[in-house]
Amino acid sequence: MNFSLVRILGLFFILSLSCGVFAQADSIRTKVDESAHFPGDSKALHLWIGENLTFPDSVRLNNEFVTHFSVSFVVESDGRLTEIRVIRPDNTGWNRHIASVIKSMPRWIPAKVEGLDVRSKIQLPIILSSE
């Protein structure tokens, strides 16, 4: 009877360790060996944003339009973007539009820790200008 209890406790201990490993693997990493990045380089990211993130003429004043905002998101270990949050501006319509455009980005190259793809958080400042 004691032997069975020891086996059950041992099995429980092994399962609890593996759950901890899975939880850690699934967490958002703040320290990484290689940061997540857009496929290509920063120029490719700027071009993609410039071509895809546009606003209607109704938001432009005197044909000049400049806005600063920041978007945070998680790059999943498979490169998908999740948990997209628009930090600024505080306009619900714009925020939804910005978030949907960011969500439509191609998959990113995920961050790496010890050669393994991991989840990481990105904060991306963006300036849009009609000039």
C-alpha atoms as a PDB file:
ATOM      1  CA  MET A   1       0.000   0.000   0.000  1.00  0.00           C
ATOM      2  CA  ASN A   2       2.812   2.451   0.803  1.00  0.00           C
ATOM      3  CA  PHE A   3       4.525   1.502  -2.455  1.00  0.00           C
ATOM      4  CA  SER A   4       1.410   2.508  -4.451  1.00  0.00           C
ATOM      5  CA  LEU A   5       1.160   5.793  -2.580  1.00  0.00           C
ATOM      6  CA  VAL A   6       4.845   6.542  -3.308  1.00  0.00           C
ATOM      7  CA  ARG A   7       4.287   5.754  -7.010  1.00  0.00           C
ATOM      8  CA  ILE A   8       1.229   7.995  -7.132  1.00  0.00           C
ATOM      9  CA  LEU A   9       3.073  10.814  -5.365  1.00  0.00           C
ATOM     10  CA  GLY A  10       6.043  10.308  -7.674  1.00  0.00           C
ATOM     11  CA  LEU A  11       3.786  10.453 -10.720  1.00  0.00           C
ATOM     12  CA  PHE A  12       2.115  13.591  -9.323  1.00  0.00           C
ATOM     13  CA  PHE A  13       5.545  15.180  -8.787  1.00  0.00           C
ATOM     14  CA  ILE A  14       6.631  14.393 -12.364  1.00  0.00           C
ATOM     15  CA  LEU A  15       3.357  15.773 -13.763  1.00  0.00           C
ATOM     16  CA  SER A  16       3.663  18.955 -11.718  1.00  0.00           C
ATOM     17  CA  LEU A  17       7.199  19.482 -13.036  1.00  0.00           C
ATOM     18  CA  SER A  18       6.063  19.031 -16.627  1.00  0.00           C
ATOM     19  CA  CYS A  19       3.184  21.452 -16.134  1.00  0.00           C
ATOM     20  CA  GLY A  20       5.682  23.999 -14.859  1.00  0.00           C
ATOM     21  CA  VAL A  21       7.820  23.474 -17.944  1.00  0.00           C
ATOM     22  CA  PHE A  22       4.821  23.931 -20.245  1.00  0.00           C
ATOM     23  CA  ALA A  23       3.730  27.060 -18.387  1.00  0.00           C
ATOM     24  CA  GLN A  24       7.210  28.521 -18.647  1.00  0.00           C
ATOM     25  CA  ALA A  25       7.466  27.679 -22.342  1.00  0.00           C
ATOM     26  CA  ASP A  26       4.122  29.391 -22.929  1.00  0.00           C
ATOM     27  CA  SER A  27       5.018  32.589 -21.039  1.00  0.00           C
ATOM     28  CA  ILE A  28       5.927  35.861 -22.725  1.00  0.00           C
ATOM     29  CA  ARG A  29       9.689  36.247 -22.625  1.00  0.00           C
ATOM     30  CA  THR A  30      11.261  39.589 -21.797  1.00  0.00           C
ATOM     31  CA  LYS A  31      14.878  38.459 -22.097  1.00  0.00           C
ATOM     32  CA  VAL A  32      15.675  36.769 -25.382  1.00  0.00           C
ATOM     33  CA  ASP A  33      18.783  35.864 -27.352  1.00  0.00           C
ATOM     34  CA  GLU A  34      17.287  37.185 -30.617  1.00  0.00           C
ATOM     35  CA  SER A  35      14.394  39.648 -30.751  1.00  0.00           C
ATOM     36  CA  ALA A  36      11.296  39.028 -32.829  1.00  0.00           C
ATOM     37  CA  HIS A  37      11.265  40.976 -36.072  1.00  0.00           C
ATOM     38  CA  PHE A  38       9.281  41.665 -39.207  1.00  0.00           C
ATOM     39  CA  PRO A  39      10.339  39.496 -42.172  1.00  0.00           C
ATOM     40  CA  GLY A  40      13.048  41.380 -44.000  1.00  0.00           C
ATOM     41  CA  ASP A  41      14.392  44.474 -42.281  1.00  0.00           C
ATOM     42  CA  SER A  42      13.090  47.678 -40.710  1.00  0.00           C
ATOM     43  CA  LYS A  43      12.754  49.236 -44.175  1.00  0.00           C
ATOM     44  CA  ALA A  44      10.427  46.383 -45.198  1.00  0.00           C
ATOM     45  CA  LEU A  45       8.361  47.012 -42.040  1.00  0.00           C
ATOM     46  CA  HIS A  46       8.115  50.755 -42.787  1.00  0.00           C
ATOM     47  CA  LEU A  47       7.090  50.047 -46.384  1.00  0.00           C
ATOM     48  CA  TRP A  48       4.452  47.542 -45.286  1.00  0.00           C
ATOM     49  CA  ILE A  49       2.979  49.945 -42.750  1.00  0.00           C
ATOM     50  CA  GLY A  50       3.038  52.824 -45.258  1.00  0.00           C
ATOM     51  CA  GLU A  51       1.197  50.751 -47.860  1.00  0.00           C
ATOM     52  CA  ASN A  52      -1.351  49.184 -45.531  1.00  0.00           C
ATOM     53  CA  LEU A  53      -2.090  51.647 -42.735  1.00  0.00           C
ATOM     54  CA  THR A  54      -4.021  54.526 -44.269  1.00  0.00           C
ATOM     55  CA  PHE A  55      -6.764  56.795 -43.004  1.00  0.00           C
ATOM     56  CA  PRO A  56      -9.639  58.418 -44.875  1.00  0.00           C
ATOM     57  CA  ASP A  57      -9.363  61.989 -46.130  1.00  0.00           C
ATOM     58  CA  SER A  58     -11.947  63.046 -43.528  1.00  0.00           C
ATOM     59  CA  VAL A  59      -9.305  62.863 -40.784  1.00  0.00           C
ATOM     60  CA  ARG A  60      -6.840  65.144 -42.577  1.00  0.00           C
ATOM     61  CA  LEU A  61      -6.691  68.837 -41.826  1.00  0.00           C
ATOM     62  CA  ASN A  62      -5.666  71.177 -44.670  1.00  0.00           C
ATOM     63  CA  ASN A  63      -4.260  68.170 -46.565  1.00  0.00           C
ATOM     64  CA  GLU A  64      -1.720  67.660 -43.778  1.00  0.00           C
ATOM     65  CA  PHE A  65      -2.046  64.720 -41.502  1.00  0.00           C
ATOM     66  CA  VAL A  66       0.373  63.645 -38.801  1.00  0.00           C
ATOM     67  CA  THR A  67      -0.323  61.304 -35.936  1.00  0.00           C
ATOM     68  CA  HIS A  68       1.874  59.492 -33.442  1.00  0.00           C
ATOM     69  CA  PHE A  69       0.803  56.310 -31.782  1.00  0.00           C
ATOM     70  CA  SER A  70       2.191  53.108 -30.404  1.00  0.00           C
ATOM     71  CA  VAL A  71       1.032  49.526 -30.772  1.00  0.00           C
ATOM     72  CA  SER A  72       1.981  46.651 -28.506  1.00  0.00           C
ATOM     73  CA  PHE A  73       1.491  43.020 -29.392  1.00  0.00           C
ATOM     74  CA  VAL A  74       2.770  39.555 -28.668  1.00  0.00           C
ATOM     75  CA  VAL A  75       4.698  37.698 -31.343  1.00  0.00           C
ATOM     76  CA  GLU A  76       3.779  34.072 -30.801  1.00  0.00           C
ATOM     77  CA  SER A  77       6.350  31.304 -31.241  1.00  0.00           C
ATOM     78  CA  ASP A  78       4.837  30.601 -34.685  1.00  0.00           C
ATOM     79  CA  GLY A  79       5.088  34.282 -35.741  1.00  0.00           C
ATOM     80  CA  ARG A  80       1.398  35.183 -35.382  1.00  0.00           C
ATOM     81  CA  LEU A  81       0.562  38.516 -33.740  1.00  0.00           C
ATOM     82  CA  THR A  82      -1.820  38.409 -30.774  1.00  0.00           C
ATOM     83  CA  GLU A  83      -2.842  40.640 -27.844  1.00  0.00           C
ATOM     84  CA  ILE A  84      -2.731  43.731 -30.068  1.00  0.00           C
ATOM     85  CA  ARG A  85      -3.230  46.964 -28.114  1.00  0.00           C
ATOM     86  CA  VAL A  86      -3.173  50.480 -29.518  1.00  0.00           C
ATOM     87  CA  ILE A  87      -1.607  52.755 -26.925  1.00  0.00           C
ATOM     88  CA  ARG A  88      -2.492  55.997 -28.713  1.00  0.00           C
ATOM     89  CA  PRO A  89      -4.639  57.667 -30.115  1.00  0.00           C
ATOM     90  CA  ASP A  90      -7.688  57.421 -27.888  1.00  0.00           C
ATOM     91  CA  ASN A  91     -10.173  57.078 -30.707  1.00  0.00           C
ATOM     92  CA  THR A  92     -12.091  53.800 -30.713  1.00  0.00           C
ATOM     93  CA  GLY A  93     -12.655  53.784 -34.486  1.00  0.00           C
ATOM     94  CA  TRP A  94      -9.009  54.450 -35.273  1.00  0.00           C
ATOM     95  CA  ASN A  95      -7.839  51.974 -32.654  1.00  0.00           C
ATOM     96  CA  ARG A  96      -9.953  49.207 -34.198  1.00  0.00           C
ATOM     97  CA  HIS A  97      -8.709  50.076 -37.680  1.00  0.00           C
ATOM     98  CA  ILE A  98      -5.064  50.180 -36.564  1.00  0.00           C
ATOM     99  CA  ALA A  99      -5.411  46.878 -34.669  1.00  0.00           C
ATOM    100  CA  SER A 100      -7.006  45.138 -37.662  1.00  0.00           C
ATOM    101  CA  VAL A 101      -4.240  46.333 -39.984  1.00  0.00           C
ATOM    102  CA  ILE A 102      -1.518  45.211 -37.551  1.00  0.00           C
ATOM    103  CA  LYS A 103      -3.270  41.839 -37.193  1.00  0.00           C
ATOM    104  CA  SER A 104      -3.137  41.441 -40.993  1.00  0.00           C
ATOM    105  CA  MET A 105       0.663  41.738 -41.040  1.00  0.00           C
ATOM    106  CA  PRO A 106       2.597  38.774 -42.366  1.00  0.00           C
ATOM    107  CA  ARG A 107       3.896  36.438 -39.670  1.00  0.00           C
ATOM    108  CA  TRP A 108       6.933  37.795 -37.873  1.00  0.00           C
ATOM    109  CA  ILE A 109      10.146  35.918 -37.190  1.00  0.00           C
ATOM    110  CA  PRO A 110       9.710  34.938 -33.517  1.00  0.00           C
ATOM    111  CA  ALA A 111      12.186  35.703 -30.751  1.00  0.00           C
ATOM    112  CA  LYS A 112      14.634  32.960 -29.819  1.00  0.00           C
ATOM    113  CA  VAL A 113      15.986  31.679 -26.532  1.00  0.00           C
ATOM    114  CA  GLU A 114      18.685  29.013 -26.755  1.00  0.00           C
ATOM    115  CA  GLY A 115      17.715  28.406 -30.381  1.00  0.00           C
ATOM    116  CA  LEU A 116      14.019  27.836 -29.618  1.00  0.00           C
ATOM    117  CA  ASP A 117      11.196  30.060 -30.855  1.00  0.00           C
ATOM    118  CA  VAL A 118       9.456  31.807 -27.947  1.00  0.00           C
ATOM    119  CA  ARG A 119       6.660  34.298 -27.337  1.00  0.00           C
ATOM    120  CA  SER A 120       7.736  37.899 -26.844  1.00  0.00           C
ATOM    121  CA  LYS A 121       6.151  41.312 -26.568  1.00  0.00           C
ATOM    122  CA  ILE A 122       6.821  44.158 -28.993  1.00  0.00           C
ATOM    123  CA  GLN A 123       6.005  47.835 -28.642  1.00  0.00           C
ATOM    124  CA  LEU A 124       6.065  49.557 -32.002  1.00  0.00           C
ATOM    125  CA  PRO A 125       5.957  53.374 -32.201  1.00  0.00           C
ATOM    126  CA  ILE A 126       4.453  54.620 -35.471  1.00  0.00           C
ATOM    127  CA  ILE A 127       4.266  58.089 -37.019  1.00  0.00           C
ATOM    128  CA  LEU A 128       1.888  58.551 -39.938  1.00  0.00           C
ATOM    129  CA  SER A 129       2.219  61.646 -42.065  1.00  0.00           C
ATOM    130  CA  SER A 130       0.601  62.771 -45.303  1.00  0.00           C
ATOM    131  CA  GLU A 131       3.827  64.510 -46.334  1.00  0.00           C
END
